[in-house]
Amino acid sequence: MQNIISWALASLIFIASFTCFAMGNAPGAVTLLVIGFLTEFAFWMHCSNKTQVIK
């Protein structure tokens, strides 16, 4: 379930980024892409830390 939420969030951010780029707002697109990558990284780090604590 967490994987589905993660991929949905990443997809939503990338779609918003593409929309900004298509409308001519390149800095907004770059900002959203960076936010998307950071969010994905934070999510995976959170999940990996949670599994290590359980072991």
PDB file of N, CA and C in Angstrom:
ATOM      1  N   MET A   1       0.817  -1.195   0.000  1.00  0.00           N
ATOM      2  CA  MET A   1       0.000   0.000   0.000  1.00  0.00           C
ATOM      3  C   MET A   1       0.866   1.265   0.000  1.00  0.00           C
ATOM      4  N   GLN A   2       1.980   1.213   0.755  1.00  0.00           N
ATOM      5  CA  GLN A   2       2.857   2.381   0.793  1.00  0.00           C
ATOM      6  C   GLN A   2       3.498   2.636  -0.563  1.00  0.00           C
ATOM      7  N   ASN A   3       3.793   1.565  -1.300  1.00  0.00           N
ATOM      8  CA  ASN A   3       4.369   1.744  -2.633  1.00  0.00           C
ATOM      9  C   ASN A   3       3.393   2.447  -3.560  1.00  0.00           C
ATOM     10  N   ILE A   4       2.129   2.104  -3.457  1.00  0.00           N
ATOM     11  CA  ILE A   4       1.112   2.724  -4.311  1.00  0.00           C
ATOM     12  C   ILE A   4       1.000   4.209  -3.991  1.00  0.00           C
ATOM     13  N   ILE A   5       1.001   4.536  -2.697  1.00  0.00           N
ATOM     14  CA  ILE A   5       0.911   5.944  -2.297  1.00  0.00           C
ATOM     15  C   ILE A   5       2.145   6.707  -2.772  1.00  0.00           C
ATOM     16  N   SER A   6       3.313   6.091  -2.644  1.00  0.00           N
ATOM     17  CA  SER A   6       4.552   6.736  -3.072  1.00  0.00           C
ATOM     18  C   SER A   6       4.546   7.008  -4.569  1.00  0.00           C
ATOM     19  N   TRP A   7       4.185   6.019  -5.367  1.00  0.00           N
ATOM     20  CA  TRP A   7       4.164   6.201  -6.814  1.00  0.00           C
ATOM     21  C   TRP A   7       3.090   7.190  -7.240  1.00  0.00           C
ATOM     22  N   ALA A   8       1.949   7.188  -6.561  1.00  0.00           N
ATOM     23  CA  ALA A   8       0.893   8.149  -6.892  1.00  0.00           C
ATOM     24  C   ALA A   8       1.348   9.571  -6.589  1.00  0.00           C
ATOM     25  N   LEU A   9       2.009   9.760  -5.456  1.00  0.00           N
ATOM     26  CA  LEU A   9       2.507  11.089  -5.102  1.00  0.00           C
ATOM     27  C   LEU A   9       3.572  11.557  -6.082  1.00  0.00           C
ATOM     28  N   ALA A  10       4.496  10.669  -6.420  1.00  0.00           N
ATOM     29  CA  ALA A  10       5.541  11.030  -7.386  1.00  0.00           C
ATOM     30  C   ALA A  10       4.946  11.349  -8.747  1.00  0.00           C
ATOM     31  N   SER A  11       3.974  10.568  -9.186  1.00  0.00           N
ATOM     32  CA  SER A  11       3.330  10.814 -10.474  1.00  0.00           C
ATOM     33  C   SER A  11       2.598  12.150 -10.480  1.00  0.00           C
ATOM     34  N   LEU A  12       1.914  12.452  -9.393  1.00  0.00           N
ATOM     35  CA  LEU A  12       1.191  13.713  -9.293  1.00  0.00           C
ATOM     36  C   LEU A  12       2.144  14.905  -9.366  1.00  0.00           C
ATOM     37  N   ILE A  13       3.270  14.813  -8.682  1.00  0.00           N
ATOM     38  CA  ILE A  13       4.235  15.910  -8.708  1.00  0.00           C
ATOM     39  C   ILE A  13       4.854  16.055 -10.097  1.00  0.00           C
ATOM     40  N   PHE A  14       5.157  14.942 -10.762  1.00  0.00           N
ATOM     41  CA  PHE A  14       5.739  15.025 -12.101  1.00  0.00           C
ATOM     42  C   PHE A  14       4.733  15.551 -13.118  1.00  0.00           C
ATOM     43  N   ILE A  15       3.480  15.199 -12.972  1.00  0.00           N
ATOM     44  CA  ILE A  15       2.446  15.735 -13.869  1.00  0.00           C
ATOM     45  C   ILE A  15       2.305  17.235 -13.660  1.00  0.00           C
ATOM     46  N   ALA A  16       2.315  17.675 -12.396  1.00  0.00           N
ATOM     47  CA  ALA A  16       2.241  19.108 -12.121  1.00  0.00           C
ATOM     48  C   ALA A  16       3.459  19.830 -12.686  1.00  0.00           C
ATOM     49  N   SER A  17       4.619  19.197 -12.593  1.00  0.00           N
ATOM     50  CA  SER A  17       5.835  19.790 -13.143  1.00  0.00           C
ATOM     51  C   SER A  17       5.741  19.930 -14.657  1.00  0.00           C
ATOM     52  N   PHE A  18       5.272  18.894 -15.323  1.00  0.00           N
ATOM     53  CA  PHE A  18       5.119  18.957 -16.784  1.00  0.00           C
ATOM     54  C   PHE A  18       4.110  20.024 -17.181  1.00  0.00           C
ATOM     55  N   THR A  19       3.036  20.167 -16.405  1.00  0.00           N
ATOM     56  CA  THR A  19       2.035  21.196 -16.687  1.00  0.00           C
ATOM     57  C   THR A  19       2.645  22.587 -16.577  1.00  0.00           C
ATOM     58  N   CYS A  20       3.456  22.825 -15.541  1.00  0.00           N
ATOM     59  CA  CYS A  20       4.133  24.125 -15.407  1.00  0.00           C
ATOM     60  C   CYS A  20       5.050  24.380 -16.594  1.00  0.00           C
ATOM     61  N   PHE A  21       5.786  23.359 -16.998  1.00  0.00           N
ATOM     62  CA  PHE A  21       6.707  23.518 -18.124  1.00  0.00           C
ATOM     63  C   PHE A  21       5.938  23.794 -19.411  1.00  0.00           C
ATOM     64  N   ALA A  22       4.823  23.103 -19.609  1.00  0.00           N
ATOM     65  CA  ALA A  22       4.029  23.286 -20.824  1.00  0.00           C
ATOM     66  C   ALA A  22       3.416  24.680 -20.878  1.00  0.00           C
ATOM     67  N   MET A  23       3.126  25.262 -19.718  1.00  0.00           N
ATOM     68  CA  MET A  23       2.547  26.598 -19.683  1.00  0.00           C
ATOM     69  C   MET A  23       3.620  27.686 -19.743  1.00  0.00           C
ATOM     70  N   GLY A  24       4.886  27.304 -19.843  1.00  0.00           N
ATOM     71  CA  GLY A  24       5.966  28.270 -19.994  1.00  0.00           C
ATOM     72  C   GLY A  24       6.614  28.681 -18.686  1.00  0.00           C
ATOM     73  N   ASN A  25       6.319  27.992 -17.623  1.00  0.00           N
ATOM     74  CA  ASN A  25       6.899  28.331 -16.326  1.00  0.00           C
ATOM     75  C   ASN A  25       8.000  27.322 -15.998  1.00  0.00           C
ATOM     76  N   ALA A  26       9.154  27.472 -16.645  1.00  0.00           N
ATOM     77  CA  ALA A  26      10.251  26.520 -16.469  1.00  0.00           C
ATOM     78  C   ALA A  26      10.792  26.495 -15.030  1.00  0.00           C
ATOM     79  N   PRO A  27      10.972  27.638 -14.366  1.00  0.00           N
ATOM     80  CA  PRO A  27      11.459  27.550 -12.971  1.00  0.00           C
ATOM     81  C   PRO A  27      10.485  26.794 -12.054  1.00  0.00           C
ATOM     82  N   GLY A  28       9.201  26.956 -12.293  1.00  0.00           N
ATOM     83  CA  GLY A  28       8.215  26.203 -11.511  1.00  0.00           C
ATOM     84  C   GLY A  28       8.326  24.714 -11.760  1.00  0.00           C
ATOM     85  N   ALA A  29       8.573  24.344 -13.007  1.00  0.00           N
ATOM     86  CA  ALA A  29       8.726  22.924 -13.353  1.00  0.00           C
ATOM     87  C   ALA A  29       9.956  22.334 -12.683  1.00  0.00           C
ATOM     88  N   VAL A  30      11.063  23.056 -12.716  1.00  0.00           N
ATOM     89  CA  VAL A  30      12.288  22.568 -12.094  1.00  0.00           C
ATOM     90  C   VAL A  30      12.099  22.442 -10.587  1.00  0.00           C
ATOM     91  N   THR A  31      11.444  23.423  -9.991  1.00  0.00           N
ATOM     92  CA  THR A  31      11.188  23.377  -8.549  1.00  0.00           C
ATOM     93  C   THR A  31      10.345  22.169  -8.182  1.00  0.00           C
ATOM     94  N   LEU A  32       9.300  21.912  -8.940  1.00  0.00           N
ATOM     95  CA  LEU A  32       8.446  20.761  -8.652  1.00  0.00           C
ATOM     96  C   LEU A  32       9.186  19.439  -8.848  1.00  0.00           C
ATOM     97  N   LEU A  33      10.046  19.366  -9.858  1.00  0.00           N
ATOM     98  CA  LEU A  33      10.838  18.145 -10.044  1.00  0.00           C
ATOM     99  C   LEU A  33      11.761  17.898  -8.855  1.00  0.00           C
ATOM    100  N   VAL A  34      12.403  18.952  -8.380  1.00  0.00           N
ATOM    101  CA  VAL A  34      13.290  18.803  -7.224  1.00  0.00           C
ATOM    102  C   VAL A  34      12.488  18.382  -5.994  1.00  0.00           C
ATOM    103  N   ILE A  35      11.336  19.000  -5.792  1.00  0.00           N
ATOM    104  CA  ILE A  35      10.473  18.620  -4.667  1.00  0.00           C
ATOM    105  C   ILE A  35      10.047  17.161  -4.801  1.00  0.00           C
ATOM    106  N   GLY A  36       9.726  16.730  -6.005  1.00  0.00           N
ATOM    107  CA  GLY A  36       9.330  15.347  -6.238  1.00  0.00           C
ATOM    108  C   GLY A  36      10.429  14.357  -5.883  1.00  0.00           C
ATOM    109  N   PHE A  37      11.652  14.650  -6.329  1.00  0.00           N
ATOM    110  CA  PHE A  37      12.767  13.752  -6.017  1.00  0.00           C
ATOM    111  C   PHE A  37      13.063  13.730  -4.519  1.00  0.00           C
ATOM    112  N   LEU A  38      13.011  14.891  -3.871  1.00  0.00           N
ATOM    113  CA  LEU A  38      13.259  14.940  -2.428  1.00  0.00           C
ATOM    114  C   LEU A  38      12.182  14.213  -1.644  1.00  0.00           C
ATOM    115  N   THR A  39      10.924  14.358  -2.072  1.00  0.00           N
ATOM    116  CA  THR A  39       9.826  13.662  -1.404  1.00  0.00           C
ATOM    117  C   THR A  39       9.981  12.151  -1.549  1.00  0.00           C
ATOM    118  N   GLU A  40      10.306  11.701  -2.742  1.00  0.00           N
ATOM    119  CA  GLU A  40      10.501  10.270  -2.980  1.00  0.00           C
ATOM    120  C   GLU A  40      11.667   9.738  -2.153  1.00  0.00           C
ATOM    121  N   PHE A  41      12.763  10.470  -2.112  1.00  0.00           N
ATOM    122  CA  PHE A  41      13.929  10.063  -1.330  1.00  0.00           C
ATOM    123  C   PHE A  41      13.585   9.976   0.157  1.00  0.00           C
ATOM    124  N   ALA A  42      12.884  10.985   0.666  1.00  0.00           N
ATOM    125  CA  ALA A  42      12.508  10.993   2.076  1.00  0.00           C
ATOM    126  C   ALA A  42      11.574   9.825   2.394  1.00  0.00           C
ATOM    127  N   PHE A  43      10.642   9.535   1.491  1.00  0.00           N
ATOM    128  CA  PHE A  43       9.710   8.438   1.719  1.00  0.00           C
ATOM    129  C   PHE A  43      10.443   7.106   1.796  1.00  0.00           C
ATOM    130  N   TRP A  44      11.369   6.864   0.863  1.00  0.00           N
ATOM    131  CA  TRP A  44      12.088   5.593   0.862  1.00  0.00           C
ATOM    132  C   TRP A  44      13.025   5.480   2.051  1.00  0.00           C
ATOM    133  N   MET A  45      13.632   6.581   2.466  1.00  0.00           N
ATOM    134  CA  MET A  45      14.482   6.551   3.652  1.00  0.00           C
ATOM    135  C   MET A  45      13.647   6.261   4.901  1.00  0.00           C
ATOM    136  N   HIS A  46      12.464   6.841   4.971  1.00  0.00           N
ATOM    137  CA  HIS A  46      11.571   6.596   6.105  1.00  0.00           C
ATOM    138  C   HIS A  46      11.164   5.125   6.149  1.00  0.00           C
ATOM    139  N   CYS A  47      10.824   4.566   5.001  1.00  0.00           N
ATOM    140  CA  CYS A  47      10.411   3.159   4.950  1.00  0.00           C
ATOM    141  C   CYS A  47      11.580   2.231   5.277  1.00  0.00           C
ATOM    142  N   SER A  48      12.770   2.533   4.817  1.00  0.00           N
ATOM    143  CA  SER A  48      13.905   1.651   5.104  1.00  0.00           C
ATOM    144  C   SER A  48      14.283   1.729   6.577  1.00  0.00           C
ATOM    145  N   ASN A  49      14.165   2.879   7.191  1.00  0.00           N
ATOM    146  CA  ASN A  49      14.449   2.989   8.623  1.00  0.00           C
ATOM    147  C   ASN A  49      13.405   2.231   9.446  1.00  0.00           C
ATOM    148  N   LYS A  50      12.168   2.244   8.992  1.00  0.00           N
ATOM    149  CA  LYS A  50      11.100   1.565   9.716  1.00  0.00           C
ATOM    150  C   LYS A  50      11.322   0.054   9.699  1.00  0.00           C
ATOM    151  N   THR A  51      11.763  -0.504   8.575  1.00  0.00           N
ATOM    152  CA  THR A  51      11.998  -1.949   8.495  1.00  0.00           C
ATOM    153  C   THR A  51      13.214  -2.365   9.306  1.00  0.00           C
ATOM    154  N   GLN A  52      14.217  -1.509   9.429  1.00  0.00           N
ATOM    155  CA  GLN A  52      15.394  -1.840  10.221  1.00  0.00           C
ATOM    156  C   GLN A  52      15.077  -1.851  11.704  1.00  0.00           C
ATOM    157  N   VAL A  53      14.184  -0.980  12.139  1.00  0.00           N
ATOM    158  CA  VAL A  53      13.811  -0.932  13.556  1.00  0.00           C
ATOM    159  C   VAL A  53      13.036  -2.185  13.928  1.00  0.00           C
ATOM    160  N   ILE A  54      12.201  -2.696  13.032  1.00  0.00           N
ATOM    161  CA  ILE A  54      11.397  -3.881  13.301  1.00  0.00           C
ATOM    162  C   ILE A  54      12.280  -5.110  13.471  1.00  0.00           C
ATOM    163  N   LYS A  55      13.363  -5.210  12.684  1.00  0.00           N
ATOM    164  CA  LYS A  55      14.258  -6.367  12.779  1.00  0.00           C
ATOM    165  C   LYS A  55      14.920  -6.344  14.113  1.00  0.00           C
TER     166      LYS A  55
END
